[in-house]
Amino acid sequence: MLPSNPTNTTKTKTTSRSCLRRTRSPAFLAAVAVSVVLQLLQCSLVRGDGDDDYAIAAGHRSLVVALGCFWCAEQAFEQYAPGVVEAVSGYTGGTNQNPTYRNHPGHYEVILIEYDPTKTSYEVLVNYAYRNMDPFDGTGQFCDKGSSYYPAIFYATEEERLVAEGVLDTILQQPQYKDWEQADIAAPILPRPKFWTAEDYHQDYYLKNPSNYGFYKNGCRRPQRLKEVWGEDAYKCYHEEAHTCFVTADTTTLDDDGFGGDDDDVNSNNATATASSSSSSSLDDNDNDKDCCQQILQITNEYGELVTAESNIKGADEEKAGILPTWATILILVVITILVLVCSTYLGLKLSERHKEQEQQQQQHRESEIAIASAKEAAIAEAPKKEEEEEDAV
């Protein structure tokens, strides 16, 4: 859902089309078409019985999306998307069984999103998926290139296919994306193959290694590119727990269909709405004023019911961009330690040499003093003899 009260809409609408998508030559478009056909064939071949190796809880549903690096996709849905119970990193669509990170030919890096249909819907989550991809890059996503990072939306039923296509059609009809063309969208909508869970160290990576993750995400320019493509307001509302992209009761009047009618963006995906925030007539004026200004953020679930938007079930902290990844920090500390040891050893050797030189100088000084004293004593001892010799000579 787009912001109900956008502040940068003009900037988004006037974004240069050339900044958003690359130049498409006929040969490139033909290659993309062939790639999509091969992907469709591949999905149909590997799907089999469609049993994923990850089991969702009774009453829950799931969807699979490819958004480039699955670390980033996992965080985007677990922390910000409403109704998400779990996002699992994994692989799908490839040619081998039991793929691994080192051996997944033809597989997409994907996430399986387990969600509670009473708290969200497939449509809402597909909207989140699009706002977390660069739909114009069919060679990969952001800094990651290659078949593992191709973007795609997967459907398990004909109903889901129609919903996913409807979400994309609605996006293309929005004024701020009026220059976009269907042929330029490089993220296909494909049948859902079997999902294979990735290794444990990939799961919840953004929680286990926040500094590494933040450094990678920003170094890959994922947030920057998403803002360029979708606009600052869309990025903000799809990447914050406040859910400002959902209609709020104090800013929008509901139409007969239950959606705000003042903003085309608000009605863009028919996925969210608000409930009336009017209070009981028995409340006093102050209570009425307080209630009328309270934001009520609600979302339409899979059954068409309005429910409170809830996210971040794992209680993740606000994301931070790491200055350096952990390995780089450790390397720097090791280098500093080595330098300190080398410098300390060098200084120690220099001080030892200086100490020896000082001892040698002191020894020479003592020997010199002894020699002088001996010479004086000898001179004093010889003085009377010289006097006697002089007297005898006289």
Protein backbone atom coordinates (compact mmCIF):
# COMPACT_ATOMS: atom_id res chain seq x y z
CA MET A 1 0.00 0.00 0.00
CA LEU A 2 1.33 3.43 -0.83
CA PRO A 3 1.40 6.31 1.65
CA SER A 4 -1.92 7.91 2.43
CA ASN A 5 -0.23 11.27 2.89
CA PRO A 6 2.89 11.28 0.70
CA THR A 7 5.28 14.20 0.87
CA ASN A 8 7.56 13.38 -2.02
CA THR A 9 4.97 12.35 -4.60
CA THR A 10 6.03 15.05 -7.03
CA LYS A 11 9.65 13.95 -6.91
CA THR A 12 8.62 10.34 -7.47
CA LYS A 13 6.44 11.19 -10.44
CA THR A 14 9.11 13.27 -12.10
CA THR A 15 11.89 10.72 -11.68
CA SER A 16 13.66 10.27 -14.98
CA ARG A 17 12.62 7.12 -16.74
CA SER A 18 16.18 6.52 -17.84
CA CYS A 19 17.26 6.38 -14.19
CA LEU A 20 14.83 3.57 -13.45
CA ARG A 21 15.40 1.11 -16.24
CA ARG A 22 18.20 0.20 -18.51
CA THR A 23 18.12 0.51 -22.29
CA ARG A 24 16.59 -2.63 -23.78
CA SER A 25 17.93 -3.79 -27.13
CA PRO A 26 15.90 -6.28 -29.22
CA ALA A 27 18.54 -8.92 -28.58
CA PHE A 28 18.34 -8.32 -24.82
CA LEU A 29 14.53 -8.54 -24.83
CA ALA A 30 14.70 -11.76 -26.83
CA ALA A 31 17.17 -13.18 -24.33
CA VAL A 32 14.87 -12.23 -21.47
CA ALA A 33 11.92 -13.89 -23.19
CA VAL A 34 13.90 -17.09 -23.72
CA SER A 35 15.02 -16.98 -20.09
CA VAL A 36 11.43 -16.67 -18.86
CA VAL A 37 10.32 -19.60 -21.03
CA LEU A 38 13.17 -21.74 -19.70
CA GLN A 39 12.27 -20.73 -16.16
CA LEU A 40 8.67 -21.75 -16.71
CA LEU A 41 9.73 -25.11 -18.13
CA GLN A 42 12.16 -25.58 -15.29
CA CYS A 43 9.51 -24.87 -12.69
CA SER A 44 7.12 -27.36 -14.28
CA LEU A 45 9.84 -30.04 -14.35
CA VAL A 46 11.07 -29.74 -10.78
CA ARG A 47 7.80 -29.08 -9.06
CA GLY A 48 6.84 -32.74 -8.62
CA ASP A 49 4.37 -33.12 -5.78
CA GLY A 50 5.26 -29.63 -4.56
CA ASP A 51 6.01 -30.76 -1.01
CA ASP A 52 8.39 -28.23 0.53
CA ASP A 53 11.01 -29.40 3.00
CA TYR A 54 9.74 -26.75 5.43
CA ALA A 55 6.43 -27.41 7.18
CA ILE A 56 4.19 -24.51 8.15
CA ALA A 57 1.88 -24.56 11.16
CA ALA A 58 -1.73 -25.64 10.85
CA GLY A 59 -3.93 -22.78 9.74
CA HIS A 60 -1.05 -20.82 8.26
CA ARG A 61 -0.21 -20.26 4.60
CA SER A 62 2.97 -19.55 2.69
CA LEU A 63 4.32 -17.93 -0.42
CA VAL A 64 7.71 -17.94 -2.09
CA VAL A 65 9.43 -14.91 -3.63
CA ALA A 66 12.88 -14.27 -5.11
CA LEU A 67 14.25 -10.83 -4.27
CA GLY A 68 17.98 -11.29 -4.67
CA CYS A 69 19.96 -12.01 -1.51
CA PHE A 70 17.72 -13.99 0.83
CA TRP A 71 19.26 -12.35 3.92
CA CYS A 72 17.75 -9.01 2.93
CA ALA A 73 14.45 -10.50 1.81
CA GLU A 74 14.10 -12.32 5.11
CA GLN A 75 14.63 -9.16 7.13
CA ALA A 76 12.26 -7.10 4.97
CA PHE A 77 9.35 -9.48 5.60
CA GLU A 78 10.01 -10.54 9.18
CA GLN A 79 10.59 -7.04 10.47
CA TYR A 80 8.21 -4.94 8.39
CA ALA A 81 5.52 -6.97 6.60
CA PRO A 82 2.29 -7.45 8.58
CA GLY A 83 1.08 -10.89 9.55
CA VAL A 84 4.36 -12.67 8.84
CA VAL A 85 5.11 -15.54 11.22
CA GLU A 86 8.42 -16.67 9.73
CA ALA A 87 10.58 -16.01 6.68
CA VAL A 88 12.88 -18.89 5.76
CA SER A 89 15.86 -18.57 3.43
CA GLY A 90 16.15 -21.27 0.80
CA TYR A 91 16.38 -22.34 -2.82
CA THR A 92 13.88 -23.23 -5.52
CA GLY A 93 13.55 -23.89 -9.22
CA GLY A 94 16.89 -25.58 -9.86
CA THR A 95 17.96 -28.89 -11.33
CA ASN A 96 19.24 -30.76 -8.28
CA GLN A 97 17.66 -32.14 -5.14
CA ASN A 98 18.78 -30.96 -1.69
CA PRO A 99 20.62 -27.89 -2.97
CA THR A 100 23.22 -26.12 -0.85
CA TYR A 101 24.81 -22.71 -1.02
CA ARG A 102 27.82 -24.22 -2.79
CA ASN A 103 25.73 -26.42 -5.05
CA HIS A 104 22.41 -25.05 -6.29
CA PRO A 105 22.58 -24.97 -10.11
CA GLY A 106 19.65 -23.13 -11.62
CA HIS A 107 18.06 -22.42 -8.25
CA TYR A 108 16.84 -19.01 -7.15
CA GLU A 109 17.77 -17.70 -3.74
CA VAL A 110 14.30 -17.27 -2.25
CA ILE A 111 12.43 -16.93 0.97
CA LEU A 112 9.40 -18.92 2.02
CA ILE A 113 7.09 -16.60 3.94
CA GLU A 114 4.85 -18.29 6.47
CA TYR A 115 1.96 -16.02 7.32
CA ASP A 116 -1.24 -15.99 9.31
CA PRO A 117 -4.12 -15.47 6.84
CA THR A 118 -6.22 -13.94 9.61
CA LYS A 119 -3.66 -11.11 9.91
CA THR A 120 -2.59 -10.48 6.33
CA SER A 121 -3.06 -11.77 2.79
CA TYR A 122 -1.17 -13.06 -0.24
CA GLU A 123 -2.01 -9.79 -2.00
CA VAL A 124 -0.51 -7.62 0.72
CA LEU A 125 2.67 -9.67 0.81
CA VAL A 126 3.07 -9.61 -2.98
CA ASN A 127 2.90 -5.82 -2.74
CA TYR A 128 5.72 -5.99 -0.19
CA ALA A 129 7.68 -8.27 -2.50
CA TYR A 130 7.55 -5.81 -5.38
CA ARG A 131 8.61 -2.91 -3.13
CA ASN A 132 11.67 -4.93 -2.13
CA MET A 133 12.98 -5.64 -5.62
CA ASP A 134 14.36 -3.77 -8.60
CA PRO A 135 11.81 -5.00 -11.15
CA PHE A 136 13.90 -3.73 -14.08
CA ASP A 137 16.99 -5.84 -13.38
CA GLY A 138 16.65 -9.34 -14.77
CA THR A 139 20.37 -10.09 -14.40
CA GLY A 140 20.25 -10.21 -10.61
CA GLN A 141 19.45 -7.77 -7.85
CA PHE A 142 21.48 -4.78 -6.70
CA CYS A 143 25.15 -5.78 -6.35
CA ASP A 144 24.45 -9.52 -6.71
CA LYS A 145 24.32 -10.82 -10.27
CA GLY A 146 23.68 -14.23 -11.73
CA SER A 147 20.83 -16.74 -11.93
CA SER A 148 20.76 -17.24 -8.15
CA TYR A 149 19.65 -13.64 -7.72
CA TYR A 150 17.01 -13.35 -10.45
CA PRO A 151 13.79 -11.74 -9.12
CA ALA A 152 10.47 -13.57 -9.36
CA ILE A 153 7.04 -13.92 -7.78
CA PHE A 154 5.75 -17.49 -7.38
CA TYR A 155 2.14 -18.69 -7.21
CA ALA A 156 0.81 -22.03 -5.97
CA THR A 157 -2.75 -21.75 -7.31
CA GLU A 158 -4.56 -20.12 -10.18
CA GLU A 159 -6.12 -17.71 -7.71
CA GLU A 160 -2.68 -16.61 -6.50
CA ARG A 161 -1.53 -16.13 -10.10
CA LEU A 162 -4.44 -13.80 -10.78
CA VAL A 163 -3.77 -11.89 -7.55
CA ALA A 164 -0.07 -11.46 -8.36
CA GLU A 165 -0.83 -10.29 -11.90
CA GLY A 166 -3.46 -7.93 -10.52
CA VAL A 167 -0.95 -6.39 -8.09
CA LEU A 168 1.48 -5.73 -10.92
CA ASP A 169 -1.24 -4.30 -13.17
CA THR A 170 -2.32 -1.96 -10.38
CA ILE A 171 1.26 -0.79 -9.83
CA LEU A 172 1.65 -0.02 -13.53
CA GLN A 173 -1.55 2.04 -13.44
CA GLN A 174 -0.40 4.29 -10.61
CA PRO A 175 0.43 7.85 -11.70
CA GLN A 176 3.94 7.92 -10.26
CA TYR A 177 4.84 4.83 -12.31
CA LYS A 178 3.05 5.90 -15.50
CA ASP A 179 6.27 5.64 -17.54
CA TRP A 180 6.76 1.99 -16.66
CA GLU A 181 5.88 -0.61 -19.28
CA GLN A 182 4.96 -4.24 -18.84
CA ALA A 183 7.76 -5.30 -21.20
CA ASP A 184 10.33 -3.64 -18.94
CA ILE A 185 9.38 -5.70 -15.88
CA ALA A 186 12.08 -8.36 -15.58
CA ALA A 187 10.54 -10.22 -12.63
CA PRO A 188 8.32 -13.02 -13.96
CA ILE A 189 5.31 -14.48 -12.18
CA LEU A 190 5.98 -18.24 -12.15
CA PRO A 191 4.47 -21.49 -10.89
CA ARG A 192 5.82 -22.32 -7.46
CA PRO A 193 8.40 -25.14 -7.44
CA LYS A 194 9.49 -27.15 -4.44
CA PHE A 195 11.18 -25.11 -1.73
CA TRP A 196 14.41 -26.28 -0.15
CA THR A 197 15.55 -24.78 3.16
CA ALA A 198 19.00 -23.17 3.17
CA GLU A 199 21.72 -23.89 5.71
CA ASP A 200 21.22 -22.81 9.32
CA TYR A 201 23.85 -20.08 9.18
CA HIS A 202 21.76 -18.28 6.54
CA GLN A 203 18.63 -18.23 8.71
CA ASP A 204 17.98 -15.00 10.66
CA TYR A 205 21.34 -13.67 9.49
CA TYR A 206 20.24 -10.08 10.11
CA LEU A 207 19.60 -10.98 13.78
CA LYS A 208 22.70 -13.11 14.32
CA ASN A 209 25.16 -10.77 12.57
CA PRO A 210 23.60 -7.28 12.54
CA SER A 211 26.86 -5.43 11.87
CA ASN A 212 27.89 -7.70 8.99
CA TYR A 213 24.38 -7.59 7.59
CA GLY A 214 24.05 -3.81 7.79
CA PHE A 215 27.42 -3.33 6.12
CA TYR A 216 26.52 -5.73 3.30
CA LYS A 217 23.02 -4.33 2.71
CA ASN A 218 24.16 -0.73 2.45
CA GLY A 219 27.36 -1.59 0.63
CA CYS A 220 25.21 -3.37 -1.94
CA ARG A 221 23.15 -0.15 -2.25
CA ARG A 222 19.89 -2.01 -1.78
CA PRO A 223 18.08 0.80 0.09
CA GLN A 224 19.43 3.45 -2.27
CA ARG A 225 18.27 1.62 -5.39
CA LEU A 226 14.83 0.85 -3.94
CA LYS A 227 14.36 4.54 -3.22
CA GLU A 228 15.41 5.42 -6.76
CA VAL A 229 12.92 2.96 -8.24
CA TRP A 230 9.90 3.30 -5.94
CA GLY A 231 10.40 6.73 -4.38
CA GLU A 232 11.31 7.86 -0.88
CA ASP A 233 7.76 7.67 0.47
CA ALA A 234 7.08 4.16 -0.80
CA TYR A 235 10.40 2.94 0.57
CA LYS A 236 9.70 4.47 3.97
CA CYS A 237 6.21 3.08 4.35
CA TYR A 238 7.27 -0.43 3.36
CA HIS A 239 10.31 -0.39 5.63
CA GLU A 240 9.06 0.82 8.97
CA GLU A 241 7.10 -0.81 11.74
CA ALA A 242 4.72 2.14 12.00
CA HIS A 243 3.03 1.00 8.77
CA THR A 244 2.42 4.52 7.53
CA CYS A 245 1.63 3.05 4.12
CA PHE A 246 -1.68 1.90 5.55
CA VAL A 247 -4.63 4.26 5.63
CA THR A 248 -5.18 5.98 8.97
CA ALA A 249 -8.56 6.80 10.43
CA ASP A 250 -7.69 10.41 11.21
CA THR A 251 -6.61 11.29 7.65
CA THR A 252 -8.96 9.37 5.38
CA THR A 253 -12.71 9.11 4.95
CA LEU A 254 -13.93 5.63 4.07
CA ASP A 255 -15.86 5.00 0.88
CA ASP A 256 -18.71 2.52 0.67
CA ASP A 257 -16.20 -0.21 -0.18
CA GLY A 258 -14.26 0.48 3.01
CA PHE A 259 -11.31 2.27 1.43
CA GLY A 260 -10.24 5.89 1.47
CA GLY A 261 -11.41 7.90 -1.49
CA ASP A 262 -9.18 10.98 -1.33
CA ASP A 263 -5.95 9.49 -2.65
CA ASP A 264 -5.43 7.34 -5.71
CA ASP A 265 -2.32 5.87 -4.10
CA VAL A 266 -4.31 4.66 -1.12
CA ASN A 267 -6.57 2.58 -3.35
CA SER A 268 -3.68 1.27 -5.41
CA ASN A 269 -3.67 -2.35 -4.27
CA ASN A 270 -7.04 -2.75 -2.56
CA ALA A 271 -5.16 -4.43 0.26
CA THR A 272 -5.55 -2.16 3.27
CA ALA A 273 -8.14 0.04 4.86
CA THR A 274 -9.20 1.53 8.20
CA ALA A 275 -11.96 1.03 10.61
CA SER A 276 -14.04 3.89 11.88
CA SER A 277 -12.50 5.54 14.90
CA SER A 278 -15.63 7.28 16.06
CA SER A 279 -16.16 6.94 19.79
CA SER A 280 -19.27 6.37 21.77
CA SER A 281 -21.62 9.30 22.13
CA SER A 282 -21.41 8.90 25.90
CA LEU A 283 -17.76 10.06 25.92
CA ASP A 284 -17.05 13.68 26.75
CA ASP A 285 -15.58 16.13 24.23
CA ASN A 286 -12.00 15.65 25.38
CA ASP A 287 -12.23 11.90 24.94
CA ASN A 288 -13.77 12.40 21.50
CA ASP A 289 -10.91 14.70 20.50
CA LYS A 290 -8.37 12.16 21.72
CA ASP A 291 -10.03 9.27 19.88
CA CYS A 292 -10.46 11.17 16.64
CA CYS A 293 -6.73 11.83 16.41
CA GLN A 294 -5.64 8.31 17.24
CA GLN A 295 -4.18 6.44 14.28
CA ILE A 296 -5.84 3.11 13.62
CA LEU A 297 -3.72 1.07 11.24
CA GLN A 298 -5.61 -1.84 9.81
CA ILE A 299 -5.18 -4.28 6.98
CA THR A 300 -7.51 -6.50 5.01
CA ASN A 301 -6.70 -10.15 5.68
CA GLU A 302 -7.15 -13.16 3.43
CA TYR A 303 -10.83 -13.35 4.36
CA GLY A 304 -11.64 -9.72 3.63
CA GLU A 305 -11.70 -8.71 7.29
CA LEU A 306 -10.10 -5.59 8.71
CA VAL A 307 -7.46 -6.46 11.29
CA THR A 308 -4.74 -4.55 13.09
CA ALA A 309 -1.44 -4.43 11.21
CA GLU A 310 1.20 -6.30 13.22
CA SER A 311 4.81 -7.03 12.31
CA ASN A 312 8.29 -7.74 13.70
CA ILE A 313 7.24 -10.88 15.54
CA LYS A 314 10.88 -11.56 16.47
CA GLY A 315 11.37 -8.14 18.05
CA ALA A 316 14.33 -7.13 15.89
CA ASP A 317 16.09 -3.90 16.81
CA GLU A 318 16.11 -0.95 14.46
CA GLU A 319 18.50 -1.78 11.67
CA LYS A 320 21.86 -0.04 11.59
CA ALA A 321 24.45 0.23 8.87
CA GLY A 322 27.62 -1.42 10.08
CA ILE A 323 30.74 0.66 9.56
CA LEU A 324 32.75 -2.49 8.91
CA PRO A 325 31.91 -6.19 8.76
CA THR A 326 33.08 -8.33 11.67
CA TRP A 327 35.82 -10.01 9.64
CA ALA A 328 37.26 -6.61 8.68
CA THR A 329 37.14 -5.44 12.30
CA ILE A 330 38.93 -8.60 13.43
CA LEU A 331 41.51 -8.20 10.65
CA ILE A 332 42.15 -4.60 11.64
CA LEU A 333 42.54 -5.60 15.30
CA VAL A 334 44.96 -8.38 14.33
CA VAL A 335 46.99 -5.98 12.18
CA ILE A 336 47.04 -3.39 14.98
CA THR A 337 48.13 -6.07 17.47
CA ILE A 338 50.93 -7.19 15.15
CA LEU A 339 52.04 -3.60 14.61
CA VAL A 340 52.04 -2.98 18.36
CA LEU A 341 54.12 -6.12 18.93
CA VAL A 342 56.55 -5.20 16.16
CA CYS A 343 56.87 -1.65 17.40
CA SER A 344 57.26 -2.82 20.99
CA THR A 345 59.94 -5.30 19.96
CA TYR A 346 61.73 -2.67 17.90
CA LEU A 347 61.59 -0.13 20.71
CA GLY A 348 62.74 -2.77 23.17
CA LEU A 349 65.75 -3.60 21.02
CA LYS A 350 66.57 0.06 20.59
CA LEU A 351 66.31 0.71 24.32
CA SER A 352 68.50 -2.32 25.01
CA GLU A 353 71.14 -1.09 22.56
CA ARG A 354 70.97 2.37 24.04
CA HIS A 355 71.35 0.94 27.53
CA LYS A 356 74.41 -1.03 26.43
CA GLU A 357 75.92 2.06 24.82
CA GLN A 358 75.34 4.04 28.00
CA GLU A 359 76.96 1.28 30.08
CA GLN A 360 79.95 1.24 27.72
CA GLN A 361 80.28 5.02 27.92
CA GLN A 362 80.04 4.90 31.69
CA GLN A 363 82.70 2.16 31.80
CA GLN A 364 84.98 4.18 29.54
CA HIS A 365 84.39 7.24 31.71
CA ARG A 366 85.27 5.29 34.86
CA GLU A 367 88.39 3.87 33.24
CA SER A 368 89.38 7.35 32.10
CA GLU A 369 88.93 8.73 35.61
CA ILE A 370 90.97 5.89 37.06
CA ALA A 371 93.75 6.50 34.56
CA ILE A 372 93.80 10.22 35.37
CA ALA A 373 93.88 9.52 39.09
CA SER A 374 96.70 7.04 38.63
CA ALA A 375 98.67 9.55 36.60
CA LYS A 376 98.22 12.20 39.28
CA GLU A 377 99.37 9.83 42.00
CA ALA A 378 102.40 8.87 39.97
CA ALA A 379 103.22 12.53 39.36
CA ILE A 380 102.92 13.30 43.08
CA ALA A 381 105.13 10.34 43.93
CA GLU A 382 107.81 11.42 41.48
CA ALA A 383 107.83 15.09 42.53
CA PRO A 384 110.24 14.65 45.56
CA LYS A 385 112.69 12.63 43.46
CA LYS A 386 112.81 15.40 40.87
CA GLU A 387 113.51 17.97 43.58
CA GLU A 388 116.38 15.89 44.97
CA GLU A 389 117.81 15.44 41.49
CA GLU A 390 117.61 19.17 40.88
CA GLU A 391 119.38 19.91 44.25
CA ASP A 392 122.09 17.42 43.48
CA ALA A 393 122.58 18.99 40.12
CA VAL A 394 123.07 22.40 41.71
